[in-house]
Amino acid sequence: MTENFTAFDLSPVPAPGPDAVSPGVSRAIYGMPMFVTLPTADLEASRRYWIDVLGFIDLFSVPGQLTHLRRWAFQDVLLVPGDPEPAGGRSVSFACVLGEIDELAQRTGAEPRHTQWNTVDLEVVTPEGARVVMTAAKPFDPASVEARNLAEIGIAP
C-alpha cells in the first residue's frame, strides 16, 4: 500500500489516543467538501436533537426551509423539510475522540461498541430516521487483535 500516506495535518481529527482533544465546533465558512442532506417532517425537533444530544451547532437557519448544522470542520448536516426516508442499511459516521464517547452515550442512551478496526462506535437513529455513528479511534497497539486484523488486509502501522 505504498500509495497511502499519513496526512493528519489535513484533517481536523486528532491522532488517536486517550488524551486526544476534540478540535471543537467550527464556525468557519468554507466550500464544503462533503455534507449530508436529511429531509425531516419536523425541522425543529430534528434540529434540537442534533444540537442537544449529538453536540452540533446551528451554523445558520432559513426558517421553515433549512438548518445548517455543524460540529467539527467538515462535519456538516443540512436538515430540510420533507418526508424522511427509512435509514435501512445507510448510515453516516462522524469522528469524535474517546473522551466524548461516554457523554454521548449518556445523552443518547446508546451502548458504545468496540470494532475490529480499532474504534469505539456509538450508533443512534435521529428523529428523522438517519442512522448516525459517532466513531472514535482507539490508540494503536501493534500487539492487539485489531492490529492483526488490519495487517491481514494490508494495512500496516
N, C-alpha and C. Protein backbone atom coordinates (compact mmCIF):
# COMPACT_ATOMS: atom_id res chain seq x y z
N MET A 1 0.83 -1.19 0.00
CA MET A 1 0.00 0.00 0.00
C MET A 1 0.87 1.25 0.00
N THR A 2 1.82 1.31 -0.88
CA THR A 2 2.77 2.42 -0.89
C THR A 2 2.15 3.73 -1.33
N GLU A 3 0.97 3.71 -1.98
CA GLU A 3 0.35 4.96 -2.40
C GLU A 3 -0.37 5.67 -1.26
N ASN A 4 -0.53 5.03 -0.12
CA ASN A 4 -1.15 5.66 1.05
C ASN A 4 -0.08 6.35 1.88
N PHE A 5 -0.49 7.42 2.56
CA PHE A 5 0.46 8.15 3.40
C PHE A 5 -0.29 8.82 4.53
N THR A 6 0.40 9.12 5.59
CA THR A 6 -0.18 9.80 6.75
C THR A 6 -0.40 11.26 6.41
N ALA A 7 -1.60 11.77 6.70
CA ALA A 7 -1.93 13.17 6.39
C ALA A 7 -2.79 13.79 7.48
N PHE A 8 -2.43 13.53 8.72
CA PHE A 8 -3.22 14.08 9.83
C PHE A 8 -3.24 15.60 9.80
N ASP A 9 -2.25 16.23 9.16
CA ASP A 9 -2.23 17.69 9.10
C ASP A 9 -3.33 18.24 8.20
N LEU A 10 -3.96 17.41 7.36
CA LEU A 10 -5.05 17.87 6.50
C LEU A 10 -6.41 17.76 7.18
N SER A 11 -6.47 17.08 8.29
CA SER A 11 -7.73 16.75 8.93
C SER A 11 -7.88 17.42 10.29
N PRO A 12 -9.11 17.79 10.65
CA PRO A 12 -9.33 18.30 12.00
C PRO A 12 -9.33 17.19 13.05
N VAL A 13 -9.34 15.93 12.60
CA VAL A 13 -9.40 14.80 13.54
C VAL A 13 -8.01 14.60 14.15
N PRO A 14 -7.92 14.64 15.49
CA PRO A 14 -6.61 14.47 16.13
C PRO A 14 -6.14 13.02 16.03
N ALA A 15 -4.85 12.84 16.17
CA ALA A 15 -4.29 11.48 16.20
C ALA A 15 -4.92 10.73 17.37
N PRO A 16 -5.22 9.44 17.17
CA PRO A 16 -5.88 8.67 18.23
C PRO A 16 -5.05 8.60 19.50
N GLY A 17 -5.72 8.61 20.63
CA GLY A 17 -5.04 8.46 21.90
C GLY A 17 -5.99 8.77 23.03
N PRO A 18 -5.68 8.27 24.22
CA PRO A 18 -6.57 8.51 25.35
C PRO A 18 -6.63 9.98 25.75
N ASP A 19 -5.62 10.75 25.37
CA ASP A 19 -5.59 12.16 25.72
C ASP A 19 -5.91 13.05 24.51
N ALA A 20 -6.42 12.46 23.42
CA ALA A 20 -6.78 13.25 22.24
C ALA A 20 -7.87 14.24 22.62
N VAL A 21 -7.74 15.45 22.12
CA VAL A 21 -8.67 16.53 22.44
C VAL A 21 -9.46 16.90 21.19
N SER A 22 -10.75 17.03 21.37
CA SER A 22 -11.62 17.45 20.28
C SER A 22 -11.18 18.82 19.76
N PRO A 23 -11.17 19.01 18.44
CA PRO A 23 -10.86 20.35 17.93
C PRO A 23 -11.97 21.34 18.20
N GLY A 24 -13.13 20.85 18.62
CA GLY A 24 -14.25 21.72 18.95
C GLY A 24 -15.05 22.12 17.73
N VAL A 25 -16.13 22.81 18.00
CA VAL A 25 -17.04 23.25 16.96
C VAL A 25 -16.32 24.24 16.04
N SER A 26 -16.60 24.13 14.76
CA SER A 26 -16.02 25.06 13.79
C SER A 26 -17.11 25.96 13.24
N ARG A 27 -16.88 27.25 13.32
CA ARG A 27 -17.81 28.22 12.74
C ARG A 27 -17.23 28.81 11.45
N ALA A 28 -16.19 28.15 10.92
CA ALA A 28 -15.57 28.63 9.68
C ALA A 28 -16.55 28.50 8.51
N ILE A 29 -16.44 29.43 7.59
CA ILE A 29 -17.21 29.36 6.35
C ILE A 29 -16.24 28.89 5.26
N TYR A 30 -16.58 27.80 4.61
CA TYR A 30 -15.70 27.20 3.60
C TYR A 30 -16.54 26.46 2.57
N GLY A 31 -15.93 26.12 1.46
CA GLY A 31 -16.57 25.25 0.48
C GLY A 31 -16.63 23.85 1.07
N MET A 32 -17.81 23.34 1.28
CA MET A 32 -17.96 22.05 1.96
C MET A 32 -17.56 20.91 1.03
N PRO A 33 -16.54 20.12 1.41
CA PRO A 33 -16.12 19.01 0.55
C PRO A 33 -17.10 17.84 0.60
N MET A 34 -17.94 17.82 1.63
CA MET A 34 -18.92 16.75 1.77
C MET A 34 -19.94 17.20 2.81
N PHE A 35 -21.21 16.85 2.59
CA PHE A 35 -22.23 17.12 3.59
C PHE A 35 -23.37 16.16 3.37
N VAL A 36 -24.20 16.03 4.39
CA VAL A 36 -25.36 15.17 4.35
C VAL A 36 -26.59 16.05 4.35
N THR A 37 -27.56 15.75 3.49
CA THR A 37 -28.84 16.45 3.48
C THR A 37 -29.89 15.46 3.94
N LEU A 38 -30.63 15.82 5.00
CA LEU A 38 -31.63 14.93 5.57
C LEU A 38 -33.00 15.59 5.58
N PRO A 39 -33.96 15.01 4.88
CA PRO A 39 -35.32 15.53 4.97
C PRO A 39 -35.95 15.14 6.31
N THR A 40 -36.74 16.04 6.86
CA THR A 40 -37.38 15.78 8.15
C THR A 40 -38.79 16.34 8.15
N ALA A 41 -39.70 15.62 8.80
CA ALA A 41 -41.08 16.06 8.92
C ALA A 41 -41.21 17.15 9.98
N ASP A 42 -40.24 17.22 10.90
CA ASP A 42 -40.29 18.20 11.99
C ASP A 42 -38.91 18.83 12.13
N LEU A 43 -38.70 19.92 11.40
CA LEU A 43 -37.40 20.58 11.35
C LEU A 43 -36.90 20.96 12.74
N GLU A 44 -37.77 21.50 13.58
CA GLU A 44 -37.34 21.94 14.91
C GLU A 44 -36.99 20.77 15.81
N ALA A 45 -37.75 19.69 15.79
CA ALA A 45 -37.44 18.53 16.63
C ALA A 45 -36.10 17.92 16.21
N SER A 46 -35.88 17.81 14.90
CA SER A 46 -34.61 17.28 14.42
C SER A 46 -33.47 18.20 14.80
N ARG A 47 -33.66 19.49 14.61
CA ARG A 47 -32.63 20.48 14.96
C ARG A 47 -32.26 20.36 16.44
N ARG A 48 -33.24 20.29 17.32
CA ARG A 48 -32.99 20.19 18.76
C ARG A 48 -32.22 18.92 19.10
N TYR A 49 -32.56 17.80 18.48
CA TYR A 49 -31.87 16.54 18.76
C TYR A 49 -30.39 16.64 18.36
N TRP A 50 -30.13 17.11 17.16
CA TRP A 50 -28.75 17.22 16.69
C TRP A 50 -27.93 18.15 17.59
N ILE A 51 -28.56 19.21 18.08
CA ILE A 51 -27.84 20.17 18.93
C ILE A 51 -27.72 19.64 20.36
N ASP A 52 -28.85 19.30 20.98
CA ASP A 52 -28.86 18.92 22.40
C ASP A 52 -28.25 17.56 22.68
N VAL A 53 -28.41 16.62 21.77
CA VAL A 53 -27.96 15.25 22.01
C VAL A 53 -26.62 14.95 21.34
N LEU A 54 -26.48 15.34 20.08
CA LEU A 54 -25.25 14.98 19.34
C LEU A 54 -24.17 16.06 19.39
N GLY A 55 -24.48 17.25 19.91
CA GLY A 55 -23.45 18.27 20.10
C GLY A 55 -23.12 19.12 18.89
N PHE A 56 -24.02 19.17 17.92
CA PHE A 56 -23.82 20.04 16.76
C PHE A 56 -24.29 21.44 17.11
N ILE A 57 -23.98 22.41 16.27
CA ILE A 57 -24.50 23.77 16.43
C ILE A 57 -25.34 24.11 15.20
N ASP A 58 -26.19 25.09 15.35
CA ASP A 58 -26.94 25.64 14.22
C ASP A 58 -26.05 26.72 13.62
N LEU A 59 -25.34 26.39 12.55
CA LEU A 59 -24.45 27.37 11.91
C LEU A 59 -25.28 28.51 11.34
N PHE A 60 -26.40 28.15 10.68
CA PHE A 60 -27.39 29.14 10.29
C PHE A 60 -28.66 28.41 9.87
N SER A 61 -29.76 29.12 9.91
CA SER A 61 -31.04 28.56 9.51
C SER A 61 -31.79 29.53 8.62
N VAL A 62 -32.58 28.99 7.72
CA VAL A 62 -33.57 29.75 6.97
C VAL A 62 -34.91 29.19 7.47
N PRO A 63 -35.61 29.94 8.32
CA PRO A 63 -36.80 29.40 8.98
C PRO A 63 -37.75 28.67 8.03
N GLY A 64 -38.08 27.43 8.45
CA GLY A 64 -39.01 26.61 7.69
C GLY A 64 -38.45 25.99 6.42
N GLN A 65 -37.17 26.30 6.09
CA GLN A 65 -36.61 25.82 4.83
C GLN A 65 -35.33 24.99 4.98
N LEU A 66 -34.48 25.38 5.93
CA LEU A 66 -33.17 24.75 6.02
C LEU A 66 -32.53 25.05 7.37
N THR A 67 -31.87 24.06 7.93
CA THR A 67 -30.99 24.27 9.07
C THR A 67 -29.65 23.66 8.71
N HIS A 68 -28.61 24.47 8.79
CA HIS A 68 -27.24 24.00 8.51
C HIS A 68 -26.58 23.75 9.86
N LEU A 69 -26.34 22.46 10.15
CA LEU A 69 -25.72 22.05 11.40
C LEU A 69 -24.24 21.79 11.18
N ARG A 70 -23.47 21.99 12.24
CA ARG A 70 -22.03 21.73 12.14
C ARG A 70 -21.52 21.30 13.48
N ARG A 71 -20.52 20.44 13.46
CA ARG A 71 -19.79 20.03 14.66
C ARG A 71 -18.34 20.45 14.42
N TRP A 72 -17.47 19.51 14.12
CA TRP A 72 -16.10 19.87 13.76
C TRP A 72 -16.11 20.37 12.32
N ALA A 73 -14.96 20.92 11.89
CA ALA A 73 -14.82 21.31 10.48
C ALA A 73 -15.10 20.09 9.61
N PHE A 74 -15.84 20.30 8.56
CA PHE A 74 -16.19 19.28 7.55
C PHE A 74 -17.19 18.25 8.07
N GLN A 75 -17.84 18.53 9.19
CA GLN A 75 -18.93 17.68 9.68
C GLN A 75 -20.22 18.49 9.57
N ASP A 76 -20.72 18.57 8.34
CA ASP A 76 -21.87 19.41 8.02
C ASP A 76 -23.10 18.55 7.71
N VAL A 77 -24.24 18.98 8.25
CA VAL A 77 -25.52 18.33 8.01
C VAL A 77 -26.54 19.41 7.66
N LEU A 78 -27.28 19.20 6.58
CA LEU A 78 -28.35 20.11 6.22
C LEU A 78 -29.68 19.41 6.48
N LEU A 79 -30.50 20.00 7.33
CA LEU A 79 -31.85 19.50 7.56
C LEU A 79 -32.80 20.31 6.70
N VAL A 80 -33.66 19.62 5.97
CA VAL A 80 -34.62 20.28 5.10
C VAL A 80 -36.00 19.66 5.33
N PRO A 81 -37.07 20.44 5.12
CA PRO A 81 -38.41 19.86 5.28
C PRO A 81 -38.64 18.79 4.21
N GLY A 82 -39.31 17.74 4.59
CA GLY A 82 -39.63 16.68 3.63
C GLY A 82 -39.97 15.40 4.34
N ASP A 83 -40.29 14.41 3.55
CA ASP A 83 -40.61 13.10 4.09
C ASP A 83 -39.33 12.32 4.32
N PRO A 84 -39.03 11.99 5.58
CA PRO A 84 -37.82 11.23 5.87
C PRO A 84 -37.88 9.85 5.22
N GLU A 85 -36.72 9.38 4.81
CA GLU A 85 -36.62 8.04 4.25
C GLU A 85 -36.09 7.13 5.34
N PRO A 86 -36.56 5.87 5.40
CA PRO A 86 -36.02 4.96 6.40
C PRO A 86 -34.52 4.77 6.20
N ALA A 87 -33.78 4.71 7.31
CA ALA A 87 -32.32 4.61 7.22
C ALA A 87 -31.90 3.31 6.54
N GLY A 88 -32.61 2.23 6.80
CA GLY A 88 -32.23 0.96 6.19
C GLY A 88 -30.76 0.65 6.44
N GLY A 89 -30.04 0.29 5.42
CA GLY A 89 -28.62 -0.02 5.54
C GLY A 89 -27.72 1.19 5.47
N ARG A 90 -28.30 2.37 5.24
CA ARG A 90 -27.48 3.57 5.10
C ARG A 90 -27.17 4.18 6.46
N SER A 91 -25.98 4.76 6.56
CA SER A 91 -25.62 5.47 7.78
C SER A 91 -24.60 6.54 7.43
N VAL A 92 -24.41 7.45 8.35
CA VAL A 92 -23.37 8.46 8.22
C VAL A 92 -22.58 8.43 9.52
N SER A 93 -21.26 8.55 9.41
CA SER A 93 -20.40 8.50 10.58
C SER A 93 -19.69 9.83 10.77
N PHE A 94 -19.52 10.21 12.03
CA PHE A 94 -18.80 11.42 12.37
C PHE A 94 -17.70 11.07 13.36
N ALA A 95 -16.50 11.57 13.11
CA ALA A 95 -15.38 11.34 14.01
C ALA A 95 -15.60 12.08 15.32
N CYS A 96 -15.15 11.47 16.38
CA CYS A 96 -15.10 12.12 17.68
C CYS A 96 -13.86 11.57 18.38
N VAL A 97 -13.61 11.98 19.59
CA VAL A 97 -12.48 11.46 20.35
C VAL A 97 -13.02 10.59 21.48
N LEU A 98 -12.17 9.70 21.98
CA LEU A 98 -12.60 8.77 23.03
C LEU A 98 -13.24 9.48 24.22
N GLY A 99 -12.72 10.64 24.57
CA GLY A 99 -13.23 11.37 25.71
C GLY A 99 -14.66 11.87 25.54
N GLU A 100 -15.19 11.82 24.33
CA GLU A 100 -16.57 12.26 24.09
C GLU A 100 -17.58 11.12 24.13
N ILE A 101 -17.11 9.89 24.01
CA ILE A 101 -18.00 8.74 23.88
C ILE A 101 -18.91 8.56 25.09
N ASP A 102 -18.38 8.62 26.30
CA ASP A 102 -19.21 8.40 27.49
C ASP A 102 -20.32 9.42 27.61
N GLU A 103 -20.01 10.68 27.38
CA GLU A 103 -21.04 11.73 27.47
C GLU A 103 -22.11 11.52 26.39
N LEU A 104 -21.68 11.19 25.17
CA LEU A 104 -22.64 10.91 24.11
C LEU A 104 -23.51 9.71 24.47
N ALA A 105 -22.92 8.69 25.05
CA ALA A 105 -23.68 7.50 25.45
C ALA A 105 -24.74 7.87 26.50
N GLN A 106 -24.38 8.74 27.43
CA GLN A 106 -25.35 9.16 28.45
C GLN A 106 -26.50 9.93 27.81
N ARG A 107 -26.18 10.84 26.89
CA ARG A 107 -27.23 11.67 26.27
C ARG A 107 -28.11 10.88 25.31
N THR A 108 -27.53 9.85 24.66
CA THR A 108 -28.30 9.10 23.66
C THR A 108 -28.94 7.84 24.23
N GLY A 109 -28.37 7.30 25.30
CA GLY A 109 -28.84 6.03 25.83
C GLY A 109 -28.30 4.84 25.03
N ALA A 110 -27.41 5.10 24.07
CA ALA A 110 -26.85 4.03 23.24
C ALA A 110 -25.62 3.42 23.92
N GLU A 111 -25.34 2.19 23.58
CA GLU A 111 -24.18 1.47 24.12
C GLU A 111 -23.00 1.59 23.17
N PRO A 112 -21.85 2.03 23.65
CA PRO A 112 -20.66 2.03 22.79
C PRO A 112 -20.27 0.59 22.44
N ARG A 113 -19.76 0.40 21.24
CA ARG A 113 -19.26 -0.92 20.87
C ARG A 113 -17.86 -0.79 20.29
N HIS A 114 -17.03 -1.75 20.61
CA HIS A 114 -15.65 -1.79 20.11
C HIS A 114 -15.64 -2.56 18.81
N THR A 115 -14.98 -2.00 17.80
CA THR A 115 -14.96 -2.65 16.48
C THR A 115 -13.64 -3.38 16.26
N GLN A 116 -13.64 -4.25 15.27
CA GLN A 116 -12.41 -4.97 14.94
C GLN A 116 -11.43 -4.10 14.16
N TRP A 117 -11.84 -2.88 13.78
CA TRP A 117 -10.92 -1.96 13.08
C TRP A 117 -10.42 -0.85 14.00
N ASN A 118 -10.48 -1.10 15.32
CA ASN A 118 -9.83 -0.25 16.32
C ASN A 118 -10.54 1.06 16.62
N THR A 119 -11.87 1.03 16.63
CA THR A 119 -12.63 2.21 17.03
C THR A 119 -13.64 1.83 18.10
N VAL A 120 -14.17 2.86 18.75
CA VAL A 120 -15.33 2.71 19.62
C VAL A 120 -16.44 3.48 18.93
N ASP A 121 -17.55 2.80 18.63
CA ASP A 121 -18.65 3.41 17.88
C ASP A 121 -19.89 3.51 18.74
N LEU A 122 -20.64 4.57 18.52
CA LEU A 122 -21.90 4.78 19.20
C LEU A 122 -22.93 5.07 18.10
N GLU A 123 -23.92 4.20 17.97
CA GLU A 123 -24.90 4.33 16.88
C GLU A 123 -26.26 4.76 17.42
N VAL A 124 -26.85 5.77 16.77
CA VAL A 124 -28.19 6.25 17.14
C VAL A 124 -29.02 6.42 15.87
N VAL A 125 -30.32 6.48 16.06
CA VAL A 125 -31.24 6.84 14.98
C VAL A 125 -31.87 8.16 15.38
N THR A 126 -31.73 9.17 14.53
CA THR A 126 -32.21 10.51 14.82
C THR A 126 -33.73 10.60 14.57
N PRO A 127 -34.37 11.70 15.01
CA PRO A 127 -35.81 11.83 14.81
C PRO A 127 -36.26 11.70 13.35
N GLU A 128 -35.41 12.09 12.42
CA GLU A 128 -35.78 11.98 11.01
C GLU A 128 -35.41 10.63 10.41
N GLY A 129 -34.93 9.72 11.27
CA GLY A 129 -34.67 8.35 10.84
C GLY A 129 -33.28 8.10 10.29
N ALA A 130 -32.37 9.05 10.46
CA ALA A 130 -31.00 8.84 9.98
C ALA A 130 -30.23 7.97 10.98
N ARG A 131 -29.50 7.01 10.47
CA ARG A 131 -28.63 6.20 11.32
C ARG A 131 -27.29 6.90 11.39
N VAL A 132 -26.92 7.38 12.59
CA VAL A 132 -25.71 8.16 12.78
C VAL A 132 -24.77 7.38 13.70
N VAL A 133 -23.50 7.29 13.27
CA VAL A 133 -22.48 6.61 14.07
C VAL A 133 -21.44 7.65 14.47
N MET A 134 -21.27 7.82 15.77
CA MET A 134 -20.20 8.66 16.28
C MET A 134 -19.05 7.69 16.56
N THR A 135 -17.89 7.92 15.94
CA THR A 135 -16.81 6.94 15.98
C THR A 135 -15.51 7.57 16.46
N ALA A 136 -14.87 6.91 17.43
CA ALA A 136 -13.61 7.41 17.99
C ALA A 136 -12.54 6.34 17.81
N ALA A 137 -11.41 6.73 17.24
CA ALA A 137 -10.29 5.80 17.07
C ALA A 137 -9.64 5.54 18.42
N LYS A 138 -9.28 4.29 18.63
CA LYS A 138 -8.56 3.92 19.85
C LYS A 138 -7.06 4.04 19.57
N PRO A 139 -6.25 4.20 20.62
CA PRO A 139 -4.80 4.22 20.41
C PRO A 139 -4.39 2.91 19.74
N PHE A 140 -3.42 3.01 18.85
CA PHE A 140 -2.99 1.83 18.11
C PHE A 140 -1.99 1.03 18.93
N ASP A 141 -2.30 -0.24 19.14
CA ASP A 141 -1.42 -1.16 19.84
C ASP A 141 -0.98 -2.22 18.84
N PRO A 142 0.29 -2.21 18.42
CA PRO A 142 0.76 -3.14 17.39
C PRO A 142 0.60 -4.61 17.79
N ALA A 143 0.44 -4.89 19.09
CA ALA A 143 0.30 -6.28 19.54
C ALA A 143 -1.17 -6.69 19.67
N SER A 144 -2.10 -5.81 19.31
CA SER A 144 -3.52 -6.09 19.53
C SER A 144 -4.13 -6.94 18.42
N VAL A 145 -5.29 -7.50 18.74
CA VAL A 145 -6.07 -8.25 17.75
C VAL A 145 -6.44 -7.33 16.60
N GLU A 146 -6.81 -6.08 16.92
CA GLU A 146 -7.18 -5.12 15.88
C GLU A 146 -6.02 -4.87 14.92
N ALA A 147 -4.80 -4.77 15.44
CA ALA A 147 -3.62 -4.57 14.58
C ALA A 147 -3.44 -5.77 13.66
N ARG A 148 -3.64 -6.97 14.18
CA ARG A 148 -3.55 -8.18 13.33
C ARG A 148 -4.64 -8.17 12.26
N ASN A 149 -5.87 -7.77 12.65
CA ASN A 149 -6.95 -7.68 11.67
C ASN A 149 -6.59 -6.72 10.54
N LEU A 150 -6.05 -5.56 10.90
CA LEU A 150 -5.67 -4.57 9.89
C LEU A 150 -4.53 -5.09 9.02
N ALA A 151 -3.55 -5.74 9.63
CA ALA A 151 -2.40 -6.28 8.88
C ALA A 151 -2.87 -7.33 7.86
N GLU A 152 -3.89 -8.11 8.24
CA GLU A 152 -4.41 -9.14 7.33
C GLU A 152 -4.98 -8.55 6.05
N ILE A 153 -5.44 -7.33 6.09
CA ILE A 153 -5.98 -6.72 4.88
C ILE A 153 -4.98 -5.74 4.24
N GLY A 154 -3.74 -5.76 4.72
CA GLY A 154 -2.68 -4.98 4.09
C GLY A 154 -2.46 -3.61 4.67
N ILE A 155 -3.03 -3.31 5.82
CA ILE A 155 -2.80 -2.00 6.45
C ILE A 155 -1.83 -2.22 7.60
N ALA A 156 -0.63 -1.72 7.43
CA ALA A 156 0.41 -1.85 8.45
C ALA A 156 0.60 -0.51 9.15
N PRO A 157 1.06 -0.55 10.42
CA PRO A 157 1.27 0.73 11.13
C PRO A 157 2.36 1.57 10.48
